[in-house]
Amino acid sequence: METSTAHPSTAPGRLNNKVAIVTGAGCVGPGWGNGRAVAVLFAQAGAKIFAVDKSAEAMEETVRRVREAGGAITAHTCDVTDSAAVEAMVAACKAEYGRVDILVNNVGGSAAGGPVALSEDKWDAQVAFNLKSVFLTCKHVLPVMEAQGCGAIVNTASTSGIRWTGSAQVAYAACKAGVIQLGKVVAVEYAKKGIRVNTVVPGQLHTPMVEVRLAGQRSGGDVDKLLDSRLARIPLGFMGDGRDTANAALFLASDEAQFITGTEIIVDGGMTARCD
């Protein structure tokens, strides 16, 4: 199975003296999930990382990788669907590092099924996990950034929010479309306050989630079968991983993107540009 190996080292200093909250900073297994890659790449670029996940264990490799790279990181467990917990998390970041310069919203996950097959409970859970979580972190971080007079928010959506990507996952698709539009609305509202909001839209990457969850949902546990079907959709002919998402997020979070807000970067190897 072909995957990209071209991941050059990040130029140091792009995020010097920045404090970044990264939600979903853990990972379901070893390797480069989106959140782990963002935390490590941002730390290599000079940011102090406030890593957030519901599972402390899931963040252990992330913390280790950041520290091995010489970066500063604090791990904080939090259910980002709980407003009080999110408020406390933001306060803890301020207490630790004094400010919040960057918020990367990376929590999410899919559940199979269209409107008939998907239960109401699973619909509600998907909305909370994929969309309410972004609303809540923005709700509690934006006042901090506004008081500072600056900030950058990078949300993680999915190509499922803009295209049919191979399976019925109506709640996930609707939520990720919502994340994109939420970002546009917040970007316009807060533009004059020095806060930028953009979205990374990853396609079908090879992350640990594929082996641990998606293969069981979609190909009877056959990982190679699932990877082959995903690779066939990608014009570039290889599959990216979480580091590709992180590189796009790094650009959007950096001062290099100072004139960019309310938009998206699609990271999918050309998949959504195809007609078939």
C-alpha atoms as a PDB file:
ATOM      1  CA  MET A   1       0.000   0.000   0.000  1.00  0.00           C
ATOM      2  CA  GLU A   2       1.536   3.289  -1.131  1.00  0.00           C
ATOM      3  CA  THR A   3       1.721   6.167   1.287  1.00  0.00           C
ATOM      4  CA  SER A   4       3.591   9.441   1.171  1.00  0.00           C
ATOM      5  CA  THR A   5       6.981   9.547   2.869  1.00  0.00           C
ATOM      6  CA  ALA A   6       7.768  13.134   1.870  1.00  0.00           C
ATOM      7  CA  HIS A   7       7.363  15.012   5.119  1.00  0.00           C
ATOM      8  CA  PRO A   8      10.160  17.588   5.381  1.00  0.00           C
ATOM      9  CA  SER A   9      11.115  18.944   8.769  1.00  0.00           C
ATOM     10  CA  THR A  10       9.236  22.026   9.857  1.00  0.00           C
ATOM     11  CA  ALA A  11      11.163  25.285   9.687  1.00  0.00           C
ATOM     12  CA  PRO A  12      11.717  26.243  13.325  1.00  0.00           C
ATOM     13  CA  GLY A  13      10.311  29.467  14.652  1.00  0.00           C
ATOM     14  CA  ARG A  14       7.100  29.769  12.651  1.00  0.00           C
ATOM     15  CA  LEU A  15       5.065  29.579  15.867  1.00  0.00           C
ATOM     16  CA  ASN A  16       7.608  30.867  18.379  1.00  0.00           C
ATOM     17  CA  ASN A  17       6.028  32.136  21.614  1.00  0.00           C
ATOM     18  CA  LYS A  18       2.574  30.928  20.535  1.00  0.00           C
ATOM     19  CA  VAL A  19       0.333  28.853  22.791  1.00  0.00           C
ATOM     20  CA  ALA A  20      -1.768  26.273  20.960  1.00  0.00           C
ATOM     21  CA  ILE A  21      -4.708  24.288  22.287  1.00  0.00           C
ATOM     22  CA  VAL A  22      -5.021  21.093  20.255  1.00  0.00           C
ATOM     23  CA  THR A  23      -8.160  19.055  20.892  1.00  0.00           C
ATOM     24  CA  GLY A  24      -8.203  15.409  19.915  1.00  0.00           C
ATOM     25  CA  ALA A  25      -4.446  15.370  20.513  1.00  0.00           C
ATOM     26  CA  GLY A  26      -4.473  11.672  21.331  1.00  0.00           C
ATOM     27  CA  CYS A  27      -4.771   8.802  18.900  1.00  0.00           C
ATOM     28  CA  VAL A  28      -6.457   5.397  18.816  1.00  0.00           C
ATOM     29  CA  GLY A  29      -3.147   3.681  18.034  1.00  0.00           C
ATOM     30  CA  PRO A  30       0.508   4.252  17.173  1.00  0.00           C
ATOM     31  CA  GLY A  31       1.256   6.404  14.181  1.00  0.00           C
ATOM     32  CA  TRP A  32       0.236   9.757  12.775  1.00  0.00           C
ATOM     33  CA  GLY A  33      -3.323  10.700  13.555  1.00  0.00           C
ATOM     34  CA  ASN A  34      -4.296  14.278  12.762  1.00  0.00           C
ATOM     35  CA  GLY A  35      -4.219  15.563  16.340  1.00  0.00           C
ATOM     36  CA  ARG A  36      -0.921  13.925  17.238  1.00  0.00           C
ATOM     37  CA  ALA A  37       0.692  15.229  14.067  1.00  0.00           C
ATOM     38  CA  VAL A  38      -0.580  18.754  14.726  1.00  0.00           C
ATOM     39  CA  ALA A  39       0.778  18.724  18.277  1.00  0.00           C
ATOM     40  CA  VAL A  40       4.221  17.491  17.222  1.00  0.00           C
ATOM     41  CA  LEU A  41       4.530  19.721  14.149  1.00  0.00           C
ATOM     42  CA  PHE A  42       3.396  22.830  16.011  1.00  0.00           C
ATOM     43  CA  ALA A  43       5.849  22.085  18.822  1.00  0.00           C
ATOM     44  CA  GLN A  44       8.663  21.713  16.285  1.00  0.00           C
ATOM     45  CA  ALA A  45       7.663  25.136  14.967  1.00  0.00           C
ATOM     46  CA  GLY A  46       8.092  26.648  18.438  1.00  0.00           C
ATOM     47  CA  ALA A  47       4.586  26.548  19.917  1.00  0.00           C
ATOM     48  CA  LYS A  48       3.759  25.540  23.465  1.00  0.00           C
ATOM     49  CA  ILE A  49       1.165  22.787  23.227  1.00  0.00           C
ATOM     50  CA  PHE A  50      -1.859  22.389  25.473  1.00  0.00           C
ATOM     51  CA  ALA A  51      -2.925  18.910  24.391  1.00  0.00           C
ATOM     52  CA  VAL A  52      -6.545  17.943  25.033  1.00  0.00           C
ATOM     53  CA  ASP A  53      -8.229  14.576  24.764  1.00  0.00           C
ATOM     54  CA  LYS A  54     -10.889  12.569  26.563  1.00  0.00           C
ATOM     55  CA  SER A  55      -8.297   9.829  27.188  1.00  0.00           C
ATOM     56  CA  ALA A  56      -5.026  10.505  28.982  1.00  0.00           C
ATOM     57  CA  GLU A  57      -3.658   7.202  27.691  1.00  0.00           C
ATOM     58  CA  ALA A  58      -4.332   8.209  24.087  1.00  0.00           C
ATOM     59  CA  MET A  59      -2.096  11.248  24.561  1.00  0.00           C
ATOM     60  CA  GLU A  60       0.922   9.403  25.955  1.00  0.00           C
ATOM     61  CA  GLU A  61       2.653   8.914  22.602  1.00  0.00           C
ATOM     62  CA  THR A  62       1.841  12.481  21.605  1.00  0.00           C
ATOM     63  CA  VAL A  63       3.432  13.837  24.783  1.00  0.00           C
ATOM     64  CA  ARG A  64       6.470  11.613  24.328  1.00  0.00           C
ATOM     65  CA  ARG A  65       7.000  12.662  20.709  1.00  0.00           C
ATOM     66  CA  VAL A  66       6.698  16.368  21.535  1.00  0.00           C
ATOM     67  CA  ARG A  67       9.164  16.108  24.397  1.00  0.00           C
ATOM     68  CA  GLU A  68      11.598  14.079  22.288  1.00  0.00           C
ATOM     69  CA  ALA A  69      11.477  16.930  19.804  1.00  0.00           C
ATOM     70  CA  GLY A  70      12.369  19.354  22.584  1.00  0.00           C
ATOM     71  CA  GLY A  71       8.913  20.918  22.717  1.00  0.00           C
ATOM     72  CA  ALA A  72       6.780  22.098  25.624  1.00  0.00           C
ATOM     73  CA  ILE A  73       3.512  20.253  26.181  1.00  0.00           C
ATOM     74  CA  THR A  74       0.851  19.951  28.866  1.00  0.00           C
ATOM     75  CA  ALA A  75      -1.743  17.172  28.621  1.00  0.00           C
ATOM     76  CA  HIS A  76      -5.274  17.843  29.843  1.00  0.00           C
ATOM     77  CA  THR A  77      -8.175  15.399  29.821  1.00  0.00           C
ATOM     78  CA  CYS A  78     -11.487  16.914  28.816  1.00  0.00           C
ATOM     79  CA  ASP A  79     -14.826  15.944  27.309  1.00  0.00           C
ATOM     80  CA  VAL A  80     -15.226  18.698  24.730  1.00  0.00           C
ATOM     81  CA  THR A  81     -18.963  18.046  24.447  1.00  0.00           C
ATOM     82  CA  ASP A  82     -19.344  19.330  28.035  1.00  0.00           C
ATOM     83  CA  SER A  83     -19.439  23.122  28.276  1.00  0.00           C
ATOM     84  CA  ALA A  84     -18.285  23.315  31.902  1.00  0.00           C
ATOM     85  CA  ALA A  85     -15.388  20.985  31.144  1.00  0.00           C
ATOM     86  CA  VAL A  86     -14.357  23.067  28.139  1.00  0.00           C
ATOM     87  CA  GLU A  87     -14.537  26.279  30.162  1.00  0.00           C
ATOM     88  CA  ALA A  88     -12.309  24.689  32.818  1.00  0.00           C
ATOM     89  CA  MET A  89      -9.906  23.437  30.136  1.00  0.00           C
ATOM     90  CA  VAL A  90      -9.446  26.918  28.660  1.00  0.00           C
ATOM     91  CA  ALA A  91      -8.917  28.347  32.144  1.00  0.00           C
ATOM     92  CA  ALA A  92      -6.296  25.657  32.810  1.00  0.00           C
ATOM     93  CA  CYS A  93      -4.439  26.591  29.615  1.00  0.00           C
ATOM     94  CA  LYS A  94      -4.425  30.248  30.628  1.00  0.00           C
ATOM     95  CA  ALA A  95      -3.188  29.317  34.094  1.00  0.00           C
ATOM     96  CA  GLU A  96      -0.380  27.223  32.606  1.00  0.00           C
ATOM     97  CA  TYR A  97       0.753  29.424  29.719  1.00  0.00           C
ATOM     98  CA  GLY A  98      -0.938  32.803  30.235  1.00  0.00           C
ATOM     99  CA  ARG A  99      -2.762  33.042  26.896  1.00  0.00           C
ATOM    100  CA  VAL A 100      -4.294  31.161  23.957  1.00  0.00           C
ATOM    101  CA  ASP A 101      -2.963  32.101  20.521  1.00  0.00           C
ATOM    102  CA  ILE A 102      -4.123  29.106  18.501  1.00  0.00           C
ATOM    103  CA  LEU A 103      -7.034  26.693  18.773  1.00  0.00           C
ATOM    104  CA  VAL A 104      -7.042  23.557  16.638  1.00  0.00           C
ATOM    105  CA  ASN A 105     -10.356  21.708  16.771  1.00  0.00           C
ATOM    106  CA  ASN A 106      -9.623  18.131  15.843  1.00  0.00           C
ATOM    107  CA  VAL A 107     -12.214  16.026  17.678  1.00  0.00           C
ATOM    108  CA  GLY A 108     -14.452  13.893  15.484  1.00  0.00           C
ATOM    109  CA  GLY A 109     -15.376  10.470  14.196  1.00  0.00           C
ATOM    110  CA  SER A 110     -17.925   8.847  11.911  1.00  0.00           C
ATOM    111  CA  ALA A 111     -20.859   6.514  12.416  1.00  0.00           C
ATOM    112  CA  ALA A 112     -22.239   4.558   9.489  1.00  0.00           C
ATOM    113  CA  GLY A 113     -25.795   4.868   8.307  1.00  0.00           C
ATOM    114  CA  GLY A 114     -28.299   7.039   6.465  1.00  0.00           C
ATOM    115  CA  PRO A 115     -31.416   8.568   8.063  1.00  0.00           C
ATOM    116  CA  VAL A 116     -33.284   5.263   8.282  1.00  0.00           C
ATOM    117  CA  ALA A 117     -30.460   3.050   9.513  1.00  0.00           C
ATOM    118  CA  LEU A 118     -28.941   5.527  11.957  1.00  0.00           C
ATOM    119  CA  SER A 119     -30.623   5.676  15.360  1.00  0.00           C
ATOM    120  CA  GLU A 120     -31.662   8.993  16.873  1.00  0.00           C
ATOM    121  CA  ASP A 121     -29.280   8.419  19.770  1.00  0.00           C
ATOM    122  CA  LYS A 122     -26.346   7.948  17.394  1.00  0.00           C
ATOM    123  CA  TRP A 123     -27.401  11.035  15.439  1.00  0.00           C
ATOM    124  CA  ASP A 124     -27.395  13.102  18.625  1.00  0.00           C
ATOM    125  CA  ALA A 125     -24.046  11.654  19.676  1.00  0.00           C
ATOM    126  CA  GLN A 126     -22.532  12.459  16.275  1.00  0.00           C
ATOM    127  CA  VAL A 127     -23.762  16.044  16.406  1.00  0.00           C
ATOM    128  CA  ALA A 128     -22.322  16.498  19.896  1.00  0.00           C
ATOM    129  CA  PHE A 129     -18.988  14.900  19.036  1.00  0.00           C
ATOM    130  CA  ASN A 130     -18.366  16.460  15.635  1.00  0.00           C
ATOM    131  CA  LEU A 131     -20.125  19.830  15.750  1.00  0.00           C
ATOM    132  CA  LYS A 132     -21.108  20.856  19.281  1.00  0.00           C
ATOM    133  CA  SER A 133     -17.506  20.275  20.368  1.00  0.00           C
ATOM    134  CA  VAL A 134     -16.322  22.934  17.909  1.00  0.00           C
ATOM    135  CA  PHE A 135     -19.053  25.327  19.009  1.00  0.00           C
ATOM    136  CA  LEU A 136     -18.094  24.918  22.667  1.00  0.00           C
ATOM    137  CA  THR A 137     -14.357  25.376  22.247  1.00  0.00           C
ATOM    138  CA  CYS A 138     -14.947  28.483  20.131  1.00  0.00           C
ATOM    139  CA  LYS A 139     -17.438  29.743  22.708  1.00  0.00           C
ATOM    140  CA  HIS A 140     -14.871  29.635  25.510  1.00  0.00           C
ATOM    141  CA  VAL A 141     -11.684  30.469  23.577  1.00  0.00           C
ATOM    142  CA  LEU A 142     -12.961  33.432  21.555  1.00  0.00           C
ATOM    143  CA  PRO A 143     -13.310  35.780  24.564  1.00  0.00           C
ATOM    144  CA  VAL A 144      -9.682  35.054  25.489  1.00  0.00           C
ATOM    145  CA  MET A 145      -8.489  35.794  21.961  1.00  0.00           C
ATOM    146  CA  GLU A 146     -10.651  38.908  21.742  1.00  0.00           C
ATOM    147  CA  ALA A 147      -9.133  40.254  24.967  1.00  0.00           C
ATOM    148  CA  GLN A 148      -5.660  39.632  23.482  1.00  0.00           C
ATOM    149  CA  GLY A 149      -6.631  41.296  20.196  1.00  0.00           C
ATOM    150  CA  CYS A 150      -5.468  38.336  18.123  1.00  0.00           C
ATOM    151  CA  GLY A 151      -5.789  34.615  17.557  1.00  0.00           C
ATOM    152  CA  ALA A 152      -6.099  31.868  14.969  1.00  0.00           C
ATOM    153  CA  ILE A 153      -8.596  29.019  14.953  1.00  0.00           C
ATOM    154  CA  VAL A 154      -8.166  26.019  12.670  1.00  0.00           C
ATOM    155  CA  ASN A 155     -11.038  23.558  12.489  1.00  0.00           C
ATOM    156  CA  THR A 156     -10.761  20.058  11.053  1.00  0.00           C
ATOM    157  CA  ALA A 157     -13.631  19.019   8.810  1.00  0.00           C
ATOM    158  CA  SER A 158     -13.692  16.214   6.212  1.00  0.00           C
ATOM    159  CA  THR A 159     -14.276  15.727   2.517  1.00  0.00           C
ATOM    160  CA  SER A 160     -17.424  13.919   3.664  1.00  0.00           C
ATOM    161  CA  GLY A 161     -18.741  17.418   4.404  1.00  0.00           C
ATOM    162  CA  ILE A 162     -18.501  18.411   0.729  1.00  0.00           C
ATOM    163  CA  ARG A 163     -18.800  15.154  -1.250  1.00  0.00           C
ATOM    164  CA  TRP A 164     -20.076  11.583  -1.119  1.00  0.00           C
ATOM    165  CA  THR A 165     -16.935   9.664  -0.161  1.00  0.00           C
ATOM    166  CA  GLY A 166     -18.003   6.041  -0.452  1.00  0.00           C
ATOM    167  CA  SER A 167     -20.405   5.214   2.371  1.00  0.00           C
ATOM    168  CA  ALA A 168     -23.580   6.504   3.970  1.00  0.00           C
ATOM    169  CA  GLN A 169     -22.623   8.415   7.108  1.00  0.00           C
ATOM    170  CA  VAL A 170     -25.248  11.097   7.067  1.00  0.00           C
ATOM    171  CA  ALA A 171     -24.668  12.530  10.543  1.00  0.00           C
ATOM    172  CA  TYR A 172     -20.914  12.777  10.129  1.00  0.00           C
ATOM    173  CA  ALA A 173     -21.261  14.365   6.683  1.00  0.00           C
ATOM    174  CA  ALA A 174     -23.832  16.881   7.913  1.00  0.00           C
ATOM    175  CA  CYS A 175     -21.725  17.784  10.943  1.00  0.00           C
ATOM    176  CA  LYS A 176     -18.547  18.280   8.938  1.00  0.00           C
ATOM    177  CA  ALA A 177     -20.427  20.500   6.496  1.00  0.00           C
ATOM    178  CA  GLY A 178     -21.593  22.385   9.572  1.00  0.00           C
ATOM    179  CA  VAL A 179     -18.015  22.769  10.814  1.00  0.00           C
ATOM    180  CA  ILE A 180     -17.047  24.400   7.516  1.00  0.00           C
ATOM    181  CA  GLN A 181     -19.933  26.870   7.643  1.00  0.00           C
ATOM    182  CA  LEU A 182     -19.442  27.551  11.355  1.00  0.00           C
ATOM    183  CA  GLY A 183     -15.887  28.567  10.533  1.00  0.00           C
ATOM    184  CA  LYS A 184     -17.025  31.000   7.847  1.00  0.00           C
ATOM    185  CA  VAL A 185     -19.576  32.684  10.100  1.00  0.00           C
ATOM    186  CA  VAL A 186     -17.171  33.044  13.017  1.00  0.00           C
ATOM    187  CA  ALA A 187     -14.421  34.271  10.693  1.00  0.00           C
ATOM    188  CA  VAL A 188     -16.532  37.154   9.437  1.00  0.00           C
ATOM    189  CA  GLU A 189     -17.869  38.058  12.878  1.00  0.00           C
ATOM    190  CA  TYR A 190     -14.414  38.194  14.465  1.00  0.00           C
ATOM    191  CA  ALA A 191     -12.286  39.478  11.578  1.00  0.00           C
ATOM    192  CA  LYS A 192     -12.128  43.052  12.888  1.00  0.00           C
ATOM    193  CA  LYS A 193     -11.086  41.701  16.283  1.00  0.00           C
ATOM    194  CA  GLY A 194      -7.866  40.237  14.930  1.00  0.00           C
ATOM    195  CA  ILE A 195      -9.049  36.624  14.961  1.00  0.00           C
ATOM    196  CA  ARG A 196      -8.795  34.387  11.917  1.00  0.00           C
ATOM    197  CA  VAL A 197     -10.799  31.183  11.451  1.00  0.00           C
ATOM    198  CA  ASN A 198     -10.111  28.602   8.754  1.00  0.00           C
ATOM    199  CA  THR A 199     -10.751  24.928   8.116  1.00  0.00           C
ATOM    200  CA  VAL A 200      -8.643  22.015   6.953  1.00  0.00           C
ATOM    201  CA  VAL A 201     -10.639  19.450   4.984  1.00  0.00           C
ATOM    202  CA  PRO A 202      -8.767  16.114   4.988  1.00  0.00           C
ATOM    203  CA  GLY A 203      -9.629  13.385   2.541  1.00  0.00           C
ATOM    204  CA  GLN A 204      -9.124   9.658   2.921  1.00  0.00           C
ATOM    205  CA  LEU A 205      -5.844   9.561   4.786  1.00  0.00           C
ATOM    206  CA  HIS A 206      -4.073   6.525   6.195  1.00  0.00           C
ATOM    207  CA  THR A 207      -4.294   7.214   9.922  1.00  0.00           C
ATOM    208  CA  PRO A 208      -4.501   4.751  12.839  1.00  0.00           C
ATOM    209  CA  MET A 209      -8.277   5.217  12.765  1.00  0.00           C
ATOM    210  CA  VAL A 210      -8.396   3.185   9.543  1.00  0.00           C
ATOM    211  CA  GLU A 211      -7.082   0.004  11.147  1.00  0.00           C
ATOM    212  CA  VAL A 212      -8.710   0.387  14.542  1.00  0.00           C
ATOM    213  CA  ARG A 213     -12.234   1.469  13.575  1.00  0.00           C
ATOM    214  CA  LEU A 214     -13.041   2.023   9.924  1.00  0.00           C
ATOM    215  CA  ALA A 215     -11.970  -1.386   8.611  1.00  0.00           C
ATOM    216  CA  GLY A 216     -14.372  -3.072  11.014  1.00  0.00           C
ATOM    217  CA  GLN A 217     -17.219  -0.773   9.993  1.00  0.00           C
ATOM    218  CA  ARG A 218     -16.768  -0.957   6.237  1.00  0.00           C
ATOM    219  CA  SER A 219     -14.787  -3.975   5.072  1.00  0.00           C
ATOM    220  CA  GLY A 220     -15.371  -6.685   7.646  1.00  0.00           C
ATOM    221  CA  GLY A 221     -12.030  -5.999   9.295  1.00  0.00           C
ATOM    222  CA  ASP A 222     -10.048  -6.323   6.040  1.00  0.00           C
ATOM    223  CA  VAL A 223      -7.673  -3.357   6.300  1.00  0.00           C
ATOM    224  CA  ASP A 224      -5.998  -3.925   2.931  1.00  0.00           C
ATOM    225  CA  LYS A 225      -9.360  -4.063   1.164  1.00  0.00           C
ATOM    226  CA  LEU A 226     -10.388  -0.766   2.709  1.00  0.00           C
ATOM    227  CA  LEU A 227      -7.058   0.895   1.918  1.00  0.00           C
ATOM    228  CA  ASP A 228      -7.211  -0.307  -1.683  1.00  0.00           C
ATOM    229  CA  SER A 229     -10.691   1.139  -2.152  1.00  0.00           C
ATOM    230  CA  ARG A 230      -9.631   4.473  -0.663  1.00  0.00           C
ATOM    231  CA  LEU A 231      -6.407   4.656  -2.661  1.00  0.00           C
ATOM    232  CA  ALA A 232      -8.308   4.034  -5.911  1.00  0.00           C
ATOM    233  CA  ARG A 233     -10.084   7.367  -5.447  1.00  0.00           C
ATOM    234  CA  ILE A 234      -6.888   9.430  -5.118  1.00  0.00           C
ATOM    235  CA  PRO A 235      -5.440  10.895  -8.355  1.00  0.00           C
ATOM    236  CA  LEU A 236      -1.976  11.450  -6.865  1.00  0.00           C
ATOM    237  CA  GLY A 237      -1.659   7.686  -6.430  1.00  0.00           C
ATOM    238  CA  PHE A 238      -0.573   7.597  -2.797  1.00  0.00           C
ATOM    239  CA  MET A 239      -2.272   8.088   0.535  1.00  0.00           C
ATOM    240  CA  GLY A 240      -1.330  10.875   2.926  1.00  0.00           C
ATOM    241  CA  ASP A 241      -1.479  10.721   6.707  1.00  0.00           C
ATOM    242  CA  GLY A 242      -2.022  13.045   9.647  1.00  0.00           C
ATOM    243  CA  ARG A 243       1.143  14.983   8.903  1.00  0.00           C
ATOM    244  CA  ASP A 244      -0.425  16.258   5.700  1.00  0.00           C
ATOM    245  CA  THR A 245      -3.349  17.632   7.683  1.00  0.00           C
ATOM    246  CA  ALA A 246      -0.909  19.113  10.194  1.00  0.00           C
ATOM    247  CA  ASN A 247       1.134  20.889   7.507  1.00  0.00           C
ATOM    248  CA  ALA A 248      -1.995  22.635   6.240  1.00  0.00           C
ATOM    249  CA  ALA A 249      -3.046  23.522   9.783  1.00  0.00           C
ATOM    250  CA  LEU A 250       0.419  24.897  10.519  1.00  0.00           C
ATOM    251  CA  PHE A 251       0.236  27.260   7.577  1.00  0.00           C
ATOM    252  CA  LEU A 252      -3.238  28.486   8.533  1.00  0.00           C
ATOM    253  CA  ALA A 253      -2.212  28.990  12.171  1.00  0.00           C
ATOM    254  CA  SER A 254       0.982  30.869  11.278  1.00  0.00           C
ATOM    255  CA  ASP A 255       1.470  34.542  10.505  1.00  0.00           C
ATOM    256  CA  GLU A 256       2.166  33.522   6.907  1.00  0.00           C
ATOM    257  CA  ALA A 257      -1.623  33.202   6.579  1.00  0.00           C
ATOM    258  CA  GLN A 258      -2.325  36.655   8.044  1.00  0.00           C
ATOM    259  CA  PHE A 259      -4.558  37.598   5.081  1.00  0.00           C
ATOM    260  CA  ILE A 260      -6.455  34.299   5.020  1.00  0.00           C
ATOM    261  CA  THR A 261      -9.699  33.769   6.926  1.00  0.00           C
ATOM    262  CA  GLY A 262     -13.088  32.181   6.367  1.00  0.00           C
ATOM    263  CA  THR A 263     -11.863  29.571   3.931  1.00  0.00           C
ATOM    264  CA  GLU A 264     -10.690  25.971   3.601  1.00  0.00           C
ATOM    265  CA  ILE A 265      -7.693  23.970   2.476  1.00  0.00           C
ATOM    266  CA  ILE A 266      -8.631  20.574   1.039  1.00  0.00           C
ATOM    267  CA  VAL A 267      -5.998  17.907   1.731  1.00  0.00           C
ATOM    268  CA  ASP A 268      -7.102  14.907  -0.318  1.00  0.00           C
ATOM    269  CA  GLY A 269      -4.636  14.174  -3.140  1.00  0.00           C
ATOM    270  CA  GLY A 270      -7.128  15.494  -5.695  1.00  0.00           C
ATOM    271  CA  MET A 271      -9.948  13.121  -4.724  1.00  0.00           C
ATOM    272  CA  THR A 272     -12.741  15.687  -4.599  1.00  0.00           C
ATOM    273  CA  ALA A 273     -11.649  17.249  -7.902  1.00  0.00           C
ATOM    274  CA  ARG A 274     -12.562  14.056  -9.750  1.00  0.00           C
ATOM    275  CA  CYS A 275     -15.959  13.564 -11.381  1.00  0.00           C
ATOM    276  CA  ASP A 276     -16.279   9.849 -10.536  1.00  0.00           C
END
